[in-house]
Amino acid sequence: MLKRFLGEIRDELPLLALWAHGSLGAGDYQPGRSDLDLIAVVETPVADPARLEEIHRGFPDLLHCSYVVRAALADLTAPHLTAAHGELFHRPVTPVTRRELHTNPVELYGAAVPDLLPEVSDADLHAFIRADLADFWLLKTGGFKRWLQDIWVDLGLITVARAAVTLRDNRLITKREAFEVLAEMGAPERVVADVRARRYGTPGPKLGRARRAMLARSFVRTTIHRTLD
């Protein structure tokens, strides 16, 4: 699939490099469950977004790609055209993604990561993580209804565990490692087992959605406050 995707975008774009990060780079990729996170470095902005959208419709929604113009690679806040979840939008390449690319790069085509992408400082990485916890995740614990959904429970628990380790030890951990950290942090065992079951296909516990939502939301909120103190 990656070879076919590379062939199609290389025919359409002034492509300088195609890199993968996230679970694939860290060795924790789960086919059919994990997102496939890609960065395409291009010489000039995408001229025909409609054609790009057409290309992405030929691939699973789990394949996500940000199209980054080389001149904007050093700007931590610059938004880049991104295809993900079946739509096109703009978002920055975050400090976490940048650190992932330098730590566990999968270079699929063209220039190597160190040749194009400036390294992110520890200060910028930590500042981003703290802001993400305070300005996004903590606010999302203010409501209850969203926590009835699998995606919020899964991402909420894994995100706070990974964030806590990076802020404490200045290292990135995989989602698989996050499950061990969650146990150490005192996360609700049945909720952790529920999340693990979806990611790895293991047997899941019997746990009502309302009860799960209450436990997950409370843990995420408490852990964020403890991490940011």
Protein backbone atom coordinates (compact mmCIF):
# COMPACT_ATOMS: atom_id res chain seq x y z
CA MET A 1 0.00 0.00 0.00
CA LEU A 2 2.82 2.41 0.87
CA LYS A 3 4.56 1.72 -2.43
CA ARG A 4 1.35 2.42 -4.33
CA PHE A 5 0.71 5.59 -2.33
CA LEU A 6 4.26 6.82 -2.91
CA GLY A 7 3.94 6.18 -6.64
CA GLU A 8 0.69 8.15 -6.89
CA ILE A 9 1.77 11.23 -4.95
CA ARG A 10 5.21 11.30 -6.59
CA ASP A 11 3.49 11.55 -9.97
CA GLU A 12 1.44 14.53 -8.78
CA LEU A 13 3.71 16.50 -6.44
CA PRO A 14 7.27 17.92 -6.31
CA LEU A 15 8.07 15.35 -3.63
CA LEU A 16 11.36 15.65 -1.73
CA ALA A 17 10.77 13.04 0.98
CA LEU A 18 8.16 10.73 2.47
CA TRP A 19 8.54 9.71 6.11
CA ALA A 20 6.47 7.67 8.55
CA HIS A 21 6.30 8.25 12.29
CA GLY A 22 4.14 7.19 15.20
CA SER A 23 3.39 3.52 15.79
CA LEU A 24 5.09 2.32 12.60
CA GLY A 25 8.36 4.01 13.49
CA ALA A 26 8.22 2.84 17.10
CA GLY A 27 7.54 -0.80 16.19
CA ASP A 28 4.04 -0.87 17.68
CA TYR A 29 1.99 -0.71 14.48
CA GLN A 30 -1.21 -2.80 14.58
CA PRO A 31 -2.58 -3.52 11.07
CA GLY A 32 -6.19 -2.48 10.77
CA ARG A 33 -6.12 -0.70 14.15
CA SER A 34 -3.24 1.79 14.10
CA ASP A 35 -3.18 4.98 12.09
CA LEU A 36 -0.46 5.12 9.43
CA ASP A 37 1.04 8.57 9.99
CA LEU A 38 3.06 10.06 7.13
CA ILE A 39 4.86 13.32 6.38
CA ALA A 40 5.41 14.28 2.74
CA VAL A 41 7.93 17.07 2.22
CA VAL A 42 7.25 19.01 -0.98
CA GLU A 43 9.11 21.80 -2.73
CA THR A 44 6.02 23.92 -3.36
CA PRO A 45 2.46 23.95 -1.95
CA VAL A 46 -0.04 21.42 -3.27
CA ALA A 47 -1.50 23.00 -6.41
CA ASP A 48 -4.56 20.77 -6.74
CA PRO A 49 -6.05 19.76 -3.36
CA ALA A 50 -9.03 18.17 -5.12
CA ARG A 51 -6.73 15.76 -6.95
CA LEU A 52 -4.96 14.97 -3.67
CA GLU A 53 -8.29 14.25 -2.02
CA GLU A 54 -9.13 11.92 -4.91
CA ILE A 55 -5.88 10.02 -4.38
CA HIS A 56 -6.56 9.60 -0.67
CA ARG A 57 -10.03 8.22 -1.35
CA GLY A 58 -8.28 5.22 -2.88
CA PHE A 59 -6.65 4.36 0.46
CA PRO A 60 -7.95 3.44 3.93
CA ASP A 61 -8.98 6.31 6.21
CA LEU A 62 -6.28 5.13 8.63
CA LEU A 63 -3.64 6.47 6.22
CA HIS A 64 -2.90 10.07 7.23
CA CYS A 65 -0.44 12.39 5.51
CA SER A 66 0.63 15.99 6.07
CA TYR A 67 2.10 17.82 3.09
CA VAL A 68 4.84 20.12 4.35
CA VAL A 69 6.51 22.72 2.15
CA ARG A 70 10.27 22.61 2.68
CA ALA A 71 10.53 26.34 3.40
CA ALA A 72 8.13 25.95 6.34
CA LEU A 73 9.76 22.92 7.98
CA ALA A 74 11.42 24.93 10.73
CA ASP A 75 8.22 26.73 11.79
CA LEU A 76 6.63 24.88 14.72
CA THR A 77 3.30 26.68 14.33
CA ALA A 78 2.86 26.69 10.53
CA PRO A 79 -0.27 24.79 9.44
CA HIS A 80 0.17 22.23 6.66
CA LEU A 81 -2.36 20.62 4.35
CA THR A 82 -3.27 17.27 5.85
CA ALA A 83 -5.39 14.36 4.66
CA ALA A 84 -6.81 12.36 7.56
CA HIS A 85 -10.08 10.77 8.65
CA GLY A 86 -11.49 11.14 5.14
CA GLU A 87 -11.07 14.92 4.87
CA LEU A 88 -8.56 17.67 4.10
CA PHE A 89 -7.62 20.29 6.68
CA HIS A 90 -4.55 22.18 7.94
CA ARG A 91 -2.53 21.45 11.07
CA PRO A 92 1.05 21.96 12.30
CA VAL A 93 3.70 19.26 12.57
CA THR A 94 3.86 19.13 16.36
CA PRO A 95 7.01 18.96 18.48
CA VAL A 96 6.04 15.39 19.45
CA THR A 97 5.90 14.35 15.78
CA ARG A 98 9.22 16.09 15.13
CA ARG A 99 10.87 14.26 18.04
CA GLU A 100 9.38 10.97 16.83
CA LEU A 101 10.81 11.55 13.36
CA HIS A 102 14.29 12.14 14.75
CA THR A 103 14.05 9.23 17.20
CA ASN A 104 12.45 6.47 15.12
CA PRO A 105 12.26 7.61 11.49
CA VAL A 106 10.95 5.43 8.70
CA GLU A 107 12.33 7.07 5.58
CA LEU A 108 10.27 5.80 2.67
CA TYR A 109 11.57 8.08 -0.06
CA GLY A 110 14.03 10.88 -0.72
CA ALA A 111 16.00 12.92 1.79
CA ALA A 112 16.74 11.66 5.29
CA VAL A 113 15.01 13.31 8.23
CA PRO A 114 18.15 15.07 9.64
CA ASP A 115 18.89 16.57 6.22
CA LEU A 116 15.61 18.54 6.11
CA LEU A 117 13.93 18.67 9.51
CA PRO A 118 15.48 20.75 12.33
CA GLU A 119 15.54 19.00 15.69
CA VAL A 120 13.06 20.22 18.28
CA SER A 121 14.39 21.45 21.61
CA ASP A 122 13.44 19.83 24.91
CA ALA A 123 11.93 23.13 26.02
CA ASP A 124 9.65 23.33 22.97
CA LEU A 125 8.67 19.68 23.37
CA HIS A 126 7.75 20.09 27.03
CA ALA A 127 5.93 23.36 26.44
CA PHE A 128 3.79 21.76 23.74
CA ILE A 129 2.90 18.76 25.90
CA ARG A 130 1.96 20.91 28.90
CA ALA A 131 -0.18 23.17 26.72
CA ASP A 132 -1.88 20.17 25.09
CA LEU A 133 -2.77 18.75 28.51
CA ALA A 134 -3.95 22.06 29.95
CA ASP A 135 -5.63 23.67 26.96
CA PHE A 136 -7.15 20.63 25.26
CA TRP A 137 -7.38 17.48 27.34
CA LEU A 138 -8.23 19.09 30.66
CA LEU A 139 -10.98 21.12 29.01
CA LYS A 140 -12.37 17.95 27.42
CA THR A 141 -12.85 16.42 30.87
CA GLY A 142 -15.34 19.18 31.61
CA GLY A 143 -18.10 17.28 29.82
CA PHE A 144 -19.28 13.70 30.22
CA LYS A 145 -20.98 12.67 26.99
CA ARG A 146 -17.84 12.41 24.81
CA TRP A 147 -16.32 9.93 27.27
CA LEU A 148 -18.98 7.40 26.32
CA GLN A 149 -17.08 7.01 23.02
CA ASP A 150 -14.23 4.53 22.62
CA ILE A 151 -11.91 7.03 20.94
CA TRP A 152 -11.91 9.47 23.88
CA VAL A 153 -11.30 6.74 26.44
CA ASP A 154 -8.51 5.18 24.39
CA LEU A 155 -6.68 8.39 23.49
CA GLY A 156 -7.25 10.02 26.87
CA LEU A 157 -5.61 7.29 28.92
CA ILE A 158 -2.74 6.68 26.51
CA THR A 159 -2.04 10.39 26.02
CA VAL A 160 -1.75 11.26 29.72
CA ALA A 161 0.52 8.27 30.37
CA ARG A 162 2.86 9.13 27.51
CA ALA A 163 2.85 12.83 28.41
CA ALA A 164 3.74 12.13 32.04
CA VAL A 165 6.75 10.02 31.05
CA THR A 166 8.05 12.58 28.55
CA LEU A 167 7.77 15.44 31.04
CA ARG A 168 9.40 13.35 33.78
CA ASP A 169 12.09 11.45 31.87
CA ASN A 170 12.40 13.45 28.64
CA ARG A 171 11.74 10.41 26.44
CA LEU A 172 8.94 9.21 24.20
CA ILE A 173 7.24 5.89 24.86
CA THR A 174 5.08 3.71 22.65
CA LYS A 175 1.40 3.06 23.21
CA ARG A 176 2.33 -0.49 24.28
CA GLU A 177 4.66 0.92 26.94
CA ALA A 178 1.91 3.30 28.02
CA PHE A 179 -0.16 0.37 29.30
CA GLU A 180 2.59 -0.53 31.77
CA VAL A 181 2.80 3.11 32.88
CA LEU A 182 -0.98 3.27 33.36
CA ALA A 183 -0.77 0.34 35.78
CA GLU A 184 1.96 2.14 37.74
CA MET A 185 -0.13 5.32 37.81
CA GLY A 186 -3.10 3.52 39.34
CA ALA A 187 -5.39 3.73 36.32
CA PRO A 188 -8.65 1.75 36.65
CA GLU A 189 -7.69 -1.82 35.73
CA ARG A 190 -10.88 -2.65 33.87
CA VAL A 191 -10.69 0.52 31.79
CA VAL A 192 -7.07 -0.21 30.87
CA ALA A 193 -8.04 -3.77 29.91
CA ASP A 194 -10.88 -2.37 27.80
CA VAL A 195 -8.49 -0.08 25.90
CA ARG A 196 -5.93 -2.85 25.48
CA ALA A 197 -8.58 -5.18 24.06
CA ARG A 198 -9.41 -2.75 21.26
CA ARG A 199 -5.78 -2.10 20.37
CA TYR A 200 -4.41 -5.63 20.56
CA GLY A 201 -7.46 -7.86 20.19
CA THR A 202 -7.19 -9.30 23.70
CA PRO A 203 -10.26 -10.34 25.72
CA GLY A 204 -12.03 -7.33 27.15
CA PRO A 205 -13.81 -6.97 30.50
CA LYS A 206 -17.52 -6.52 31.00
CA LEU A 207 -17.81 -2.83 31.68
CA GLY A 208 -20.78 -0.54 31.07
CA ARG A 209 -20.16 2.55 28.97
CA ALA A 210 -21.41 4.95 31.62
CA ARG A 211 -19.24 3.42 34.32
CA ARG A 212 -16.26 3.36 31.96
CA ALA A 213 -16.81 7.00 31.02
CA MET A 214 -16.91 8.08 34.65
CA LEU A 215 -13.74 6.18 35.54
CA ALA A 216 -11.78 7.27 32.46
CA ARG A 217 -12.77 10.93 32.72
CA SER A 218 -11.93 11.08 36.42
CA PHE A 219 -8.54 9.41 35.93
CA VAL A 220 -7.55 11.64 33.02
CA ARG A 221 -8.57 14.79 34.88
CA THR A 222 -6.78 13.83 38.10
CA THR A 223 -3.65 12.71 36.26
CA ILE A 224 -3.41 15.94 34.28
CA HIS A 225 -3.61 18.03 37.46
CA ARG A 226 -0.96 15.84 39.09
CA THR A 227 1.31 15.97 36.03
CA LEU A 228 1.11 19.75 35.64
CA ASP A 229 1.68 20.55 39.33
